[in-house]
PDB file of N, CA and C in Angstrom:
ATOM      1  N   MET A   1      -1.782 189.544  -7.315  1.00  0.00           N
ATOM      2  CA  MET A   1      -3.354 191.383  -7.987  1.00  0.00           C
ATOM      3  C   MET A   1      -1.987 191.636  -6.121  1.00  0.00           C
ATOM      4  N   ALA A   2      -2.130 193.173  -6.204  1.00  0.00           N
ATOM      5  CA  ALA A   2      -1.252 193.598  -5.403  1.00  0.00           C
ATOM      6  C   ALA A   2      -2.382 193.677  -3.920  1.00  0.00           C
ATOM      7  N   GLY A   3      -1.764 193.828  -2.862  1.00  0.00           N
ATOM      8  CA  GLY A   3      -2.510 193.698  -1.539  1.00  0.00           C
ATOM      9  C   GLY A   3      -3.487 195.534  -1.180  1.00  0.00           C
ATOM     10  N   ASN A   4      -3.641 196.034  -1.790  1.00  0.00           N
ATOM     11  CA  ASN A   4      -3.976 197.138  -2.468  1.00  0.00           C
ATOM     12  C   ASN A   4      -5.306 197.556  -3.759  1.00  0.00           C
ATOM     13  N   VAL A   5      -4.885 196.654  -4.405  1.00  0.00           N
ATOM     14  CA  VAL A   5      -6.570 196.264  -5.442  1.00  0.00           C
ATOM     15  C   VAL A   5      -7.173 195.573  -5.222  1.00  0.00           C
ATOM     16  N   ILE A   6      -8.081 196.055  -5.390  1.00  0.00           N
ATOM     17  CA  ILE A   6      -9.070 195.225  -4.493  1.00  0.00           C
ATOM     18  C   ILE A   6      -9.777 194.378  -6.372  1.00  0.00           C
ATOM     19  N   THR A   7     -10.090 193.080  -5.996  1.00  0.00           N
ATOM     20  CA  THR A   7     -10.734 192.811  -6.944  1.00  0.00           C
ATOM     21  C   THR A   7     -12.232 193.080  -7.498  1.00  0.00           C
ATOM     22  N   LEU A   8     -12.692 193.520  -8.306  1.00  0.00           N
ATOM     23  CA  LEU A   8     -14.120 194.137  -8.659  1.00  0.00           C
ATOM     24  C   LEU A   8     -15.227 193.085  -9.769  1.00  0.00           C
ATOM     25  N   THR A   9     -15.711 192.711  -9.289  1.00  0.00           N
ATOM     26  CA  THR A   9     -16.840 191.954  -9.423  1.00  0.00           C
ATOM     27  C   THR A   9     -18.446 192.605  -9.448  1.00  0.00           C
ATOM     28  N   GLU A  10     -19.430 191.741 -10.349  1.00  0.00           N
ATOM     29  CA  GLU A  10     -20.464 191.914 -10.391  1.00  0.00           C
ATOM     30  C   GLU A  10     -21.427 192.230  -9.279  1.00  0.00           C
ATOM     31  N   SER A  11     -21.383 191.052  -8.200  1.00  0.00           N
ATOM     32  CA  SER A  11     -21.797 191.427  -6.770  1.00  0.00           C
ATOM     33  C   SER A  11     -20.948 192.319  -5.997  1.00  0.00           C
ATOM     34  N   ASN A  12     -19.694 192.637  -6.235  1.00  0.00           N
ATOM     35  CA  ASN A  12     -19.153 193.463  -5.403  1.00  0.00           C
ATOM     36  C   ASN A  12     -19.165 195.087  -5.569  1.00  0.00           C
ATOM     37  N   TRP A  13     -19.788 195.522  -7.011  1.00  0.00           N
ATOM     38  CA  TRP A  13     -19.795 196.789  -7.636  1.00  0.00           C
ATOM     39  C   TRP A  13     -19.921 197.959  -6.948  1.00  0.00           C
ATOM     40  N   HIS A  14     -21.666 197.375  -6.358  1.00  0.00           N
ATOM     41  CA  HIS A  14     -21.539 198.780  -5.618  1.00  0.00           C
ATOM     42  C   HIS A  14     -21.738 199.642  -4.860  1.00  0.00           C
ATOM     43  N   ALA A  15     -21.221 197.986  -3.729  1.00  0.00           N
ATOM     44  CA  ALA A  15     -19.870 197.908  -2.237  1.00  0.00           C
ATOM     45  C   ALA A  15     -19.146 198.480  -2.936  1.00  0.00           C
ATOM     46  N   GLU A  16     -18.370 198.621  -3.519  1.00  0.00           N
ATOM     47  CA  GLU A  16     -17.065 199.191  -3.412  1.00  0.00           C
ATOM     48  C   GLU A  16     -16.623 200.883  -4.863  1.00  0.00           C
ATOM     49  N   VAL A  17     -18.017 200.413  -5.226  1.00  0.00           N
ATOM     50  CA  VAL A  17     -17.857 201.388  -6.406  1.00  0.00           C
ATOM     51  C   VAL A  17     -18.430 202.504  -6.359  1.00  0.00           C
ATOM     52  N   ILE A  18     -19.695 202.639  -6.707  1.00  0.00           N
ATOM     53  CA  ILE A  18     -20.836 203.232  -6.402  1.00  0.00           C
ATOM     54  C   ILE A  18     -21.659 203.676  -4.818  1.00  0.00           C
ATOM     55  N   ASN A  19     -20.845 203.422  -4.047  1.00  0.00           N
ATOM     56  CA  ASN A  19     -21.163 203.093  -2.842  1.00  0.00           C
ATOM     57  C   ASN A  19     -19.810 204.595  -1.537  1.00  0.00           C
ATOM     58  N   SER A  20     -19.470 204.103  -2.692  1.00  0.00           N
ATOM     59  CA  SER A  20     -17.482 204.406  -2.340  1.00  0.00           C
ATOM     60  C   SER A  20     -17.429 205.710  -1.698  1.00  0.00           C
ATOM     61  N   ASP A  21     -17.041 205.796  -0.535  1.00  0.00           N
ATOM     62  CA  ASP A  21     -16.952 207.521   0.336  1.00  0.00           C
ATOM     63  C   ASP A  21     -15.805 208.176  -0.358  1.00  0.00           C
ATOM     64  N   LYS A  22     -14.985 207.678  -1.640  1.00  0.00           N
ATOM     65  CA  LYS A  22     -13.536 207.635  -1.785  1.00  0.00           C
ATOM     66  C   LYS A  22     -13.575 207.823  -3.975  1.00  0.00           C
ATOM     67  N   PRO A  23     -13.035 208.629  -4.172  1.00  0.00           N
ATOM     68  CA  PRO A  23     -12.562 208.063  -5.851  1.00  0.00           C
ATOM     69  C   PRO A  23     -12.312 206.966  -5.838  1.00  0.00           C
ATOM     70  N   VAL A  24     -12.999 205.971  -7.052  1.00  0.00           N
ATOM     71  CA  VAL A  24     -12.092 204.326  -7.169  1.00  0.00           C
ATOM     72  C   VAL A  24     -11.876 204.263  -9.082  1.00  0.00           C
ATOM     73  N   LEU A  25     -10.522 204.503  -8.903  1.00  0.00           N
ATOM     74  CA  LEU A  25     -10.446 204.010  -9.984  1.00  0.00           C
ATOM     75  C   LEU A  25     -10.295 202.312 -10.458  1.00  0.00           C
ATOM     76  N   VAL A  26     -10.830 202.274 -11.969  1.00  0.00           N
ATOM     77  CA  VAL A  26     -11.523 201.350 -12.208  1.00  0.00           C
ATOM     78  C   VAL A  26     -10.335 200.370 -12.980  1.00  0.00           C
ATOM     79  N   ASP A  27      -9.875 200.129 -13.395  1.00  0.00           N
ATOM     80  CA  ASP A  27      -9.203 198.978 -14.232  1.00  0.00           C
ATOM     81  C   ASP A  27     -10.072 197.773 -14.712  1.00  0.00           C
ATOM     82  N   PHE A  28     -11.245 197.971 -16.307  1.00  0.00           N
ATOM     83  CA  PHE A  28     -11.843 197.033 -16.782  1.00  0.00           C
ATOM     84  C   PHE A  28     -10.476 196.486 -17.449  1.00  0.00           C
ATOM     85  N   TRP A  29     -10.212 195.406 -17.556  1.00  0.00           N
ATOM     86  CA  TRP A  29      -9.639 194.269 -18.176  1.00  0.00           C
ATOM     87  C   TRP A  29      -9.787 192.739 -18.755  1.00  0.00           C
ATOM     88  N   ALA A  30      -8.933 192.305 -19.453  1.00  0.00           N
ATOM     89  CA  ALA A  30      -9.277 190.978 -19.022  1.00  0.00           C
ATOM     90  C   ALA A  30      -7.943 189.787 -19.352  1.00  0.00           C
ATOM     91  N   PRO A  31      -7.831 188.577 -18.974  1.00  0.00           N
ATOM     92  CA  PRO A  31      -6.727 187.857 -18.824  1.00  0.00           C
ATOM     93  C   PRO A  31      -5.576 187.620 -20.096  1.00  0.00           C
ATOM     94  N   TRP A  32      -6.578 188.090 -21.442  1.00  0.00           N
ATOM     95  CA  TRP A  32      -5.755 187.750 -22.029  1.00  0.00           C
ATOM     96  C   TRP A  32      -5.537 188.575 -23.358  1.00  0.00           C
ATOM     97  N   CYS A  33      -5.601 189.977 -22.616  1.00  0.00           N
ATOM     98  CA  CYS A  33      -5.181 191.094 -23.079  1.00  0.00           C
ATOM     99  C   CYS A  33      -3.944 191.704 -23.165  1.00  0.00           C
ATOM    100  N   GLY A  34      -3.199 191.541 -23.884  1.00  0.00           N
ATOM    101  CA  GLY A  34      -1.476 192.209 -24.155  1.00  0.00           C
ATOM    102  C   GLY A  34      -1.129 192.557 -23.250  1.00  0.00           C
ATOM    103  N   PRO A  35      -1.897 194.316 -24.006  1.00  0.00           N
ATOM    104  CA  PRO A  35      -2.272 195.838 -23.249  1.00  0.00           C
ATOM    105  C   PRO A  35      -2.135 196.243 -21.516  1.00  0.00           C
ATOM    106  N   CYS A  36      -3.218 194.807 -21.100  1.00  0.00           N
ATOM    107  CA  CYS A  36      -3.748 195.193 -20.278  1.00  0.00           C
ATOM    108  C   CYS A  36      -2.505 194.863 -18.668  1.00  0.00           C
ATOM    109  N   ARG A  37      -1.922 193.030 -19.475  1.00  0.00           N
ATOM    110  CA  ARG A  37      -0.360 193.279 -18.423  1.00  0.00           C
ATOM    111  C   ARG A  37       0.278 194.074 -19.113  1.00  0.00           C
ATOM    112  N   ILE A  38       0.612 194.750 -19.729  1.00  0.00           N
ATOM    113  CA  ILE A  38       1.669 195.820 -18.988  1.00  0.00           C
ATOM    114  C   ILE A  38       1.667 197.057 -18.665  1.00  0.00           C
ATOM    115  N   ILE A  39      -0.118 196.964 -18.364  1.00  0.00           N
ATOM    116  CA  ILE A  39       0.024 198.710 -17.272  1.00  0.00           C
ATOM    117  C   ILE A  39      -0.221 198.223 -16.033  1.00  0.00           C
ATOM    118  N   ALA A  40      -0.283 197.004 -15.882  1.00  0.00           N
ATOM    119  CA  ALA A  40      -0.794 196.202 -14.275  1.00  0.00           C
ATOM    120  C   ALA A  40      -0.204 196.776 -13.680  1.00  0.00           C
ATOM    121  N   PRO A  41       1.134 196.121 -13.583  1.00  0.00           N
ATOM    122  CA  PRO A  41       1.697 196.560 -12.244  1.00  0.00           C
ATOM    123  C   PRO A  41       2.363 198.132 -12.327  1.00  0.00           C
ATOM    124  N   ILE A  42       1.738 199.117 -13.401  1.00  0.00           N
ATOM    125  CA  ILE A  42       1.421 200.702 -13.303  1.00  0.00           C
ATOM    126  C   ILE A  42       0.319 200.626 -12.202  1.00  0.00           C
ATOM    127  N   ILE A  43      -0.744 199.873 -12.573  1.00  0.00           N
ATOM    128  CA  ILE A  43      -1.880 200.151 -12.002  1.00  0.00           C
ATOM    129  C   ILE A  43      -1.341 200.085 -10.060  1.00  0.00           C
ATOM    130  N   GLU A  44      -1.044 198.796 -10.441  1.00  0.00           N
ATOM    131  CA  GLU A  44      -0.750 198.035  -8.439  1.00  0.00           C
ATOM    132  C   GLU A  44       0.056 199.113  -7.600  1.00  0.00           C
ATOM    133  N   GLU A  45       0.800 199.585  -8.962  1.00  0.00           N
ATOM    134  CA  GLU A  45       1.931 200.832  -7.537  1.00  0.00           C
ATOM    135  C   GLU A  45       1.392 202.211  -7.651  1.00  0.00           C
ATOM    136  N   LEU A  46       0.366 202.416  -8.522  1.00  0.00           N
ATOM    137  CA  LEU A  46      -0.503 203.640  -8.251  1.00  0.00           C
ATOM    138  C   LEU A  46      -1.201 203.284  -6.753  1.00  0.00           C
ATOM    139  N   ALA A  47      -1.677 201.927  -6.926  1.00  0.00           N
ATOM    140  CA  ALA A  47      -2.836 201.453  -5.537  1.00  0.00           C
ATOM    141  C   ALA A  47      -1.811 201.567  -3.943  1.00  0.00           C
ATOM    142  N   ASP A  48      -0.508 201.140  -4.678  1.00  0.00           N
ATOM    143  CA  ASP A  48       0.265 201.789  -3.542  1.00  0.00           C
ATOM    144  C   ASP A  48       0.119 202.912  -2.842  1.00  0.00           C
ATOM    145  N   GLU A  49       1.024 203.776  -3.637  1.00  0.00           N
ATOM    146  CA  GLU A  49       0.751 204.924  -3.857  1.00  0.00           C
ATOM    147  C   GLU A  49      -0.189 205.568  -3.120  1.00  0.00           C
ATOM    148  N   PHE A  50      -1.527 205.377  -2.916  1.00  0.00           N
ATOM    149  CA  PHE A  50      -2.581 206.111  -3.084  1.00  0.00           C
ATOM    150  C   PHE A  50      -3.629 205.428  -2.051  1.00  0.00           C
ATOM    151  N   ALA A  51      -3.272 204.958  -0.877  1.00  0.00           N
ATOM    152  CA  ALA A  51      -3.808 203.425  -0.269  1.00  0.00           C
ATOM    153  C   ALA A  51      -4.516 204.374   0.206  1.00  0.00           C
ATOM    154  N   GLY A  52      -5.477 204.339   0.892  1.00  0.00           N
ATOM    155  CA  GLY A  52      -5.986 206.011   2.153  1.00  0.00           C
ATOM    156  C   GLY A  52      -6.778 206.493   1.100  1.00  0.00           C
ATOM    157  N   LYS A  53      -6.582 207.262   0.095  1.00  0.00           N
ATOM    158  CA  LYS A  53      -6.759 207.515  -0.953  1.00  0.00           C
ATOM    159  C   LYS A  53      -7.587 207.894  -1.713  1.00  0.00           C
ATOM    160  N   VAL A  54      -7.632 206.741  -2.755  1.00  0.00           N
ATOM    161  CA  VAL A  54      -8.045 206.343  -4.006  1.00  0.00           C
ATOM    162  C   VAL A  54      -8.400 204.498  -3.543  1.00  0.00           C
ATOM    163  N   LYS A  55      -9.862 204.608  -3.779  1.00  0.00           N
ATOM    164  CA  LYS A  55      -9.505 203.064  -4.436  1.00  0.00           C
ATOM    165  C   LYS A  55      -9.299 202.594  -5.161  1.00  0.00           C
ATOM    166  N   VAL A  56      -8.543 200.997  -5.801  1.00  0.00           N
ATOM    167  CA  VAL A  56      -7.945 201.619  -7.028  1.00  0.00           C
ATOM    168  C   VAL A  56      -8.210 199.913  -6.982  1.00  0.00           C
ATOM    169  N   GLY A  57      -9.210 199.556  -8.248  1.00  0.00           N
ATOM    170  CA  GLY A  57      -9.858 197.861  -8.014  1.00  0.00           C
ATOM    171  C   GLY A  57      -9.423 198.074  -9.439  1.00  0.00           C
ATOM    172  N   LYS A  58      -9.628 195.845  -9.787  1.00  0.00           N
ATOM    173  CA  LYS A  58      -9.673 195.387 -10.999  1.00  0.00           C
ATOM    174  C   LYS A  58     -11.019 194.770 -12.398  1.00  0.00           C
ATOM    175  N   LEU A  59     -12.098 194.911 -12.714  1.00  0.00           N
ATOM    176  CA  LEU A  59     -12.864 194.494 -12.709  1.00  0.00           C
ATOM    177  C   LEU A  59     -12.805 193.379 -14.259  1.00  0.00           C
ATOM    178  N   ASN A  60     -12.281 192.124 -14.373  1.00  0.00           N
ATOM    179  CA  ASN A  60     -12.046 191.453 -15.370  1.00  0.00           C
ATOM    180  C   ASN A  60     -13.206 191.217 -15.890  1.00  0.00           C
ATOM    181  N   THR A  61     -13.515 191.811 -17.136  1.00  0.00           N
ATOM    182  CA  THR A  61     -14.239 192.054 -18.148  1.00  0.00           C
ATOM    183  C   THR A  61     -15.203 190.667 -18.905  1.00  0.00           C
ATOM    184  N   ASP A  62     -14.421 189.814 -19.174  1.00  0.00           N
ATOM    185  CA  ASP A  62     -14.641 188.257 -20.014  1.00  0.00           C
ATOM    186  C   ASP A  62     -15.445 187.883 -18.344  1.00  0.00           C
ATOM    187  N   GLU A  63     -15.441 187.999 -17.020  1.00  0.00           N
ATOM    188  CA  GLU A  63     -16.150 187.526 -15.987  1.00  0.00           C
ATOM    189  C   GLU A  63     -17.133 188.256 -15.534  1.00  0.00           C
ATOM    190  N   ASN A  64     -17.676 189.788 -16.258  1.00  0.00           N
ATOM    191  CA  ASN A  64     -18.457 190.794 -15.253  1.00  0.00           C
ATOM    192  C   ASN A  64     -18.838 190.973 -16.618  1.00  0.00           C
ATOM    193  N   PRO A  65     -19.051 190.369 -17.677  1.00  0.00           N
ATOM    194  CA  PRO A  65     -19.655 191.432 -18.950  1.00  0.00           C
ATOM    195  C   PRO A  65     -21.229 192.489 -18.727  1.00  0.00           C
ATOM    196  N   ASN A  66     -21.938 191.981 -18.210  1.00  0.00           N
ATOM    197  CA  ASN A  66     -22.539 192.729 -17.504  1.00  0.00           C
ATOM    198  C   ASN A  66     -22.732 194.631 -17.353  1.00  0.00           C
ATOM    199  N   ILE A  67     -21.576 194.682 -16.652  1.00  0.00           N
ATOM    200  CA  ILE A  67     -21.038 196.155 -16.092  1.00  0.00           C
ATOM    201  C   ILE A  67     -20.214 196.958 -17.183  1.00  0.00           C
ATOM    202  N   ALA A  68     -19.549 195.877 -17.652  1.00  0.00           N
ATOM    203  CA  ALA A  68     -18.223 196.126 -19.040  1.00  0.00           C
ATOM    204  C   ALA A  68     -19.393 196.649 -19.843  1.00  0.00           C
ATOM    205  N   MET A  69     -20.538 196.170 -20.278  1.00  0.00           N
ATOM    206  CA  MET A  69     -21.604 196.490 -21.254  1.00  0.00           C
ATOM    207  C   MET A  69     -21.949 197.415 -20.728  1.00  0.00           C
ATOM    208  N   GLN A  70     -22.441 198.125 -19.357  1.00  0.00           N
ATOM    209  CA  GLN A  70     -23.462 198.935 -18.833  1.00  0.00           C
ATOM    210  C   GLN A  70     -22.485 200.459 -18.625  1.00  0.00           C
ATOM    211  N   TYR A  71     -20.734 200.077 -18.697  1.00  0.00           N
ATOM    212  CA  TYR A  71     -20.576 201.463 -19.045  1.00  0.00           C
ATOM    213  C   TYR A  71     -19.849 201.661 -20.490  1.00  0.00           C
ATOM    214  N   GLY A  72     -20.349 201.603 -21.448  1.00  0.00           N
ATOM    215  CA  GLY A  72     -19.836 200.856 -22.995  1.00  0.00           C
ATOM    216  C   GLY A  72     -18.446 200.778 -22.836  1.00  0.00           C
ATOM    217  N   ILE A  73     -18.324 198.898 -22.373  1.00  0.00           N
ATOM    218  CA  ILE A  73     -16.199 199.572 -22.757  1.00  0.00           C
ATOM    219  C   ILE A  73     -16.412 198.444 -23.867  1.00  0.00           C
ATOM    220  N   ARG A  74     -15.136 199.272 -24.803  1.00  0.00           N
ATOM    221  CA  ARG A  74     -15.090 199.104 -25.888  1.00  0.00           C
ATOM    222  C   ARG A  74     -13.866 197.932 -26.240  1.00  0.00           C
ATOM    223  N   ALA A  75     -13.312 198.695 -25.614  1.00  0.00           N
ATOM    224  CA  ALA A  75     -11.867 198.579 -26.137  1.00  0.00           C
ATOM    225  C   ALA A  75     -10.903 198.104 -24.531  1.00  0.00           C
ATOM    226  N   ILE A  76     -10.338 197.333 -24.031  1.00  0.00           N
ATOM    227  CA  ILE A  76      -9.021 197.479 -22.958  1.00  0.00           C
ATOM    228  C   ILE A  76      -7.796 197.203 -22.969  1.00  0.00           C
ATOM    229  N   PRO A  77      -6.723 197.557 -22.179  1.00  0.00           N
ATOM    230  CA  PRO A  77      -7.593 198.508 -21.217  1.00  0.00           C
ATOM    231  C   PRO A  77      -8.268 199.940 -20.796  1.00  0.00           C
ATOM    232  N   THR A  78      -9.246 199.807 -20.370  1.00  0.00           N
ATOM    233  CA  THR A  78     -10.379 201.422 -19.773  1.00  0.00           C
ATOM    234  C   THR A  78      -9.689 201.739 -18.902  1.00  0.00           C
ATOM    235  N   LEU A  79      -9.651 202.936 -18.922  1.00  0.00           N
ATOM    236  CA  LEU A  79      -9.637 202.918 -16.867  1.00  0.00           C
ATOM    237  C   LEU A  79     -10.502 203.868 -16.471  1.00  0.00           C
ATOM    238  N   MET A  80     -11.435 203.833 -15.519  1.00  0.00           N
ATOM    239  CA  MET A  80     -12.513 204.619 -15.273  1.00  0.00           C
ATOM    240  C   MET A  80     -12.232 205.309 -13.210  1.00  0.00           C
ATOM    241  N   LEU A  81     -12.330 206.123 -13.899  1.00  0.00           N
ATOM    242  CA  LEU A  81     -12.656 207.186 -12.371  1.00  0.00           C
ATOM    243  C   LEU A  81     -14.192 207.590 -11.447  1.00  0.00           C
ATOM    244  N   PHE A  82     -13.961 206.263 -10.836  1.00  0.00           N
ATOM    245  CA  PHE A  82     -15.252 207.207 -10.163  1.00  0.00           C
ATOM    246  C   PHE A  82     -15.290 208.362  -9.606  1.00  0.00           C
ATOM    247  N   LYS A  83     -16.261 208.743  -8.889  1.00  0.00           N
ATOM    248  CA  LYS A  83     -16.273 209.962  -7.789  1.00  0.00           C
ATOM    249  C   LYS A  83     -17.571 210.469  -7.756  1.00  0.00           C
ATOM    250  N   ASN A  84     -17.704 209.232  -6.075  1.00  0.00           N
ATOM    251  CA  ASN A  84     -19.790 209.688  -5.877  1.00  0.00           C
ATOM    252  C   ASN A  84     -20.937 208.785  -6.850  1.00  0.00           C
ATOM    253  N   GLY A  85     -19.693 207.651  -7.270  1.00  0.00           N
ATOM    254  CA  GLY A  85     -20.274 206.548  -8.301  1.00  0.00           C
ATOM    255  C   GLY A  85     -20.742 207.338  -9.138  1.00  0.00           C
ATOM    256  N   GLU A  86     -20.014 208.228 -10.014  1.00  0.00           N
ATOM    257  CA  GLU A  86     -19.709 208.894 -11.407  1.00  0.00           C
ATOM    258  C   GLU A  86     -18.782 208.974 -12.274  1.00  0.00           C
ATOM    259  N   VAL A  87     -18.812 208.692 -13.134  1.00  0.00           N
ATOM    260  CA  VAL A  87     -17.215 208.670 -13.789  1.00  0.00           C
ATOM    261  C   VAL A  87     -17.067 210.232 -14.019  1.00  0.00           C
ATOM    262  N   VAL A  88     -16.188 210.585 -13.441  1.00  0.00           N
ATOM    263  CA  VAL A  88     -15.381 211.785 -13.992  1.00  0.00           C
ATOM    264  C   VAL A  88     -14.798 211.401 -15.227  1.00  0.00           C
ATOM    265  N   ASP A  89     -13.557 210.002 -15.034  1.00  0.00           N
ATOM    266  CA  ASP A  89     -12.528 210.620 -15.829  1.00  0.00           C
ATOM    267  C   ASP A  89     -12.296 208.762 -16.887  1.00  0.00           C
ATOM    268  N   THR A  90     -11.615 209.269 -18.169  1.00  0.00           N
ATOM    269  CA  THR A  90     -11.702 207.852 -18.847  1.00  0.00           C
ATOM    270  C   THR A  90     -10.081 207.681 -19.317  1.00  0.00           C
ATOM    271  N   ARG A  91      -9.907 206.707 -19.603  1.00  0.00           N
ATOM    272  CA  ARG A  91      -8.562 206.296 -20.111  1.00  0.00           C
ATOM    273  C   ARG A  91      -8.491 205.040 -21.350  1.00  0.00           C
ATOM    274  N   ILE A  92      -8.446 205.485 -22.264  1.00  0.00           N
ATOM    275  CA  ILE A  92      -8.201 204.517 -23.058  1.00  0.00           C
ATOM    276  C   ILE A  92      -6.621 203.738 -23.655  1.00  0.00           C
ATOM    277  N   GLY A  93      -6.762 202.642 -23.170  1.00  0.00           N
ATOM    278  CA  GLY A  93      -5.338 201.942 -23.046  1.00  0.00           C
ATOM    279  C   GLY A  93      -3.797 202.197 -22.405  1.00  0.00           C
ATOM    280  N   VAL A  94      -3.133 201.063 -22.825  1.00  0.00           N
ATOM    281  CA  VAL A  94      -1.766 201.949 -21.980  1.00  0.00           C
ATOM    282  C   VAL A  94      -1.515 203.508 -21.253  1.00  0.00           C
ATOM    283  N   GLN A  95      -1.593 203.860 -20.823  1.00  0.00           N
ATOM    284  CA  GLN A  95      -1.687 204.880 -19.875  1.00  0.00           C
ATOM    285  C   GLN A  95       0.123 205.066 -19.588  1.00  0.00           C
ATOM    286  N   PRO A  96       0.890 206.221 -19.787  1.00  0.00           N
ATOM    287  CA  PRO A  96       2.301 206.216 -18.522  1.00  0.00           C
ATOM    288  C   PRO A  96       1.839 206.445 -17.328  1.00  0.00           C
ATOM    289  N   LYS A  97       3.234 205.733 -16.378  1.00  0.00           N
ATOM    290  CA  LYS A  97       1.936 206.390 -14.917  1.00  0.00           C
ATOM    291  C   LYS A  97       2.097 207.229 -14.291  1.00  0.00           C
ATOM    292  N   GLU A  98       2.397 208.661 -14.748  1.00  0.00           N
ATOM    293  CA  GLU A  98       1.994 209.883 -14.801  1.00  0.00           C
ATOM    294  C   GLU A  98       0.962 210.211 -15.468  1.00  0.00           C
ATOM    295  N   ALA A  99       0.724 209.884 -16.271  1.00  0.00           N
ATOM    296  CA  ALA A  99      -0.926 210.331 -16.595  1.00  0.00           C
ATOM    297  C   ALA A  99      -1.538 209.882 -16.198  1.00  0.00           C
ATOM    298  N   ILE A 100      -1.833 208.409 -15.267  1.00  0.00           N
ATOM    299  CA  ILE A 100      -2.717 208.382 -14.934  1.00  0.00           C
ATOM    300  C   ILE A 100      -3.126 208.915 -13.499  1.00  0.00           C
ATOM    301  N   LYS A 101      -1.169 209.455 -12.749  1.00  0.00           N
ATOM    302  CA  LYS A 101      -1.216 209.837 -11.669  1.00  0.00           C
ATOM    303  C   LYS A 101      -2.002 211.332 -11.694  1.00  0.00           C
ATOM    304  N   GLN A 102      -1.611 211.866 -12.986  1.00  0.00           N
ATOM    305  CA  GLN A 102      -2.736 213.618 -12.866  1.00  0.00           C
ATOM    306  C   GLN A 102      -4.286 213.335 -12.458  1.00  0.00           C
ATOM    307  N   MET A 103      -3.856 211.939 -13.316  1.00  0.00           N
ATOM    308  CA  MET A 103      -5.825 212.074 -13.569  1.00  0.00           C
ATOM    309  C   MET A 103      -6.701 211.332 -11.908  1.00  0.00           C
ATOM    310  N   LEU A 104      -5.607 211.007 -11.154  1.00  0.00           N
ATOM    311  CA  LEU A 104      -5.538 210.675  -9.847  1.00  0.00           C
ATOM    312  C   LEU A 104      -5.807 212.322  -8.647  1.00  0.00           C
ATOM    313  N   LEU A 105      -4.793 212.852  -9.194  1.00  0.00           N
ATOM    314  CA  LEU A 105      -4.781 213.975  -8.148  1.00  0.00           C
ATOM    315  C   LEU A 105      -5.871 214.900  -8.021  1.00  0.00           C
ATOM    316  N   SER A 106      -6.173 215.285  -9.936  1.00  0.00           N
ATOM    317  CA  SER A 106      -6.870 216.383  -9.924  1.00  0.00           C
ATOM    318  C   SER A 106      -7.934 215.750  -9.607  1.00  0.00           C
ATOM    319  N   HIS A 107      -8.732 214.454  -8.374  1.00  0.00           N
ATOM    320  CA  HIS A 107     -10.304 214.286  -8.886  1.00  0.00           C
ATOM    321  C   HIS A 107      -9.989 214.172  -6.959  1.00  0.00           C
ATOM    322  N   ILE A 108      -9.150 214.125  -6.279  1.00  0.00           N
ATOM    323  CA  ILE A 108      -8.925 213.994  -5.229  1.00  0.00           C
ATOM    324  C   ILE A 108      -8.421 215.536  -4.086  1.00  0.00           C
TER     325      ILE A 108
END
């Protein structure tokens, strides 16, 4: 993973996402998911572009099923944008970089 992408887990979820002072883009993914691999480089580019403004993290749904269930993740990749601990936007499936960028810009 790129230097600006955080690996999210059940143990760091509250500190990194819920209690974050910045918006947090969470990529719910799994290693076996082809579309997740397609979107991964886009997520890494956006993490670099928005460094300092938006936190970007990836949560492996296979390793962290409780969080995936808590947020009703039924398809991956799912992108959720959290602000002040609340979900403010959700996108399911592979998204063009520009669409994700606009989602981020509308919340910073």
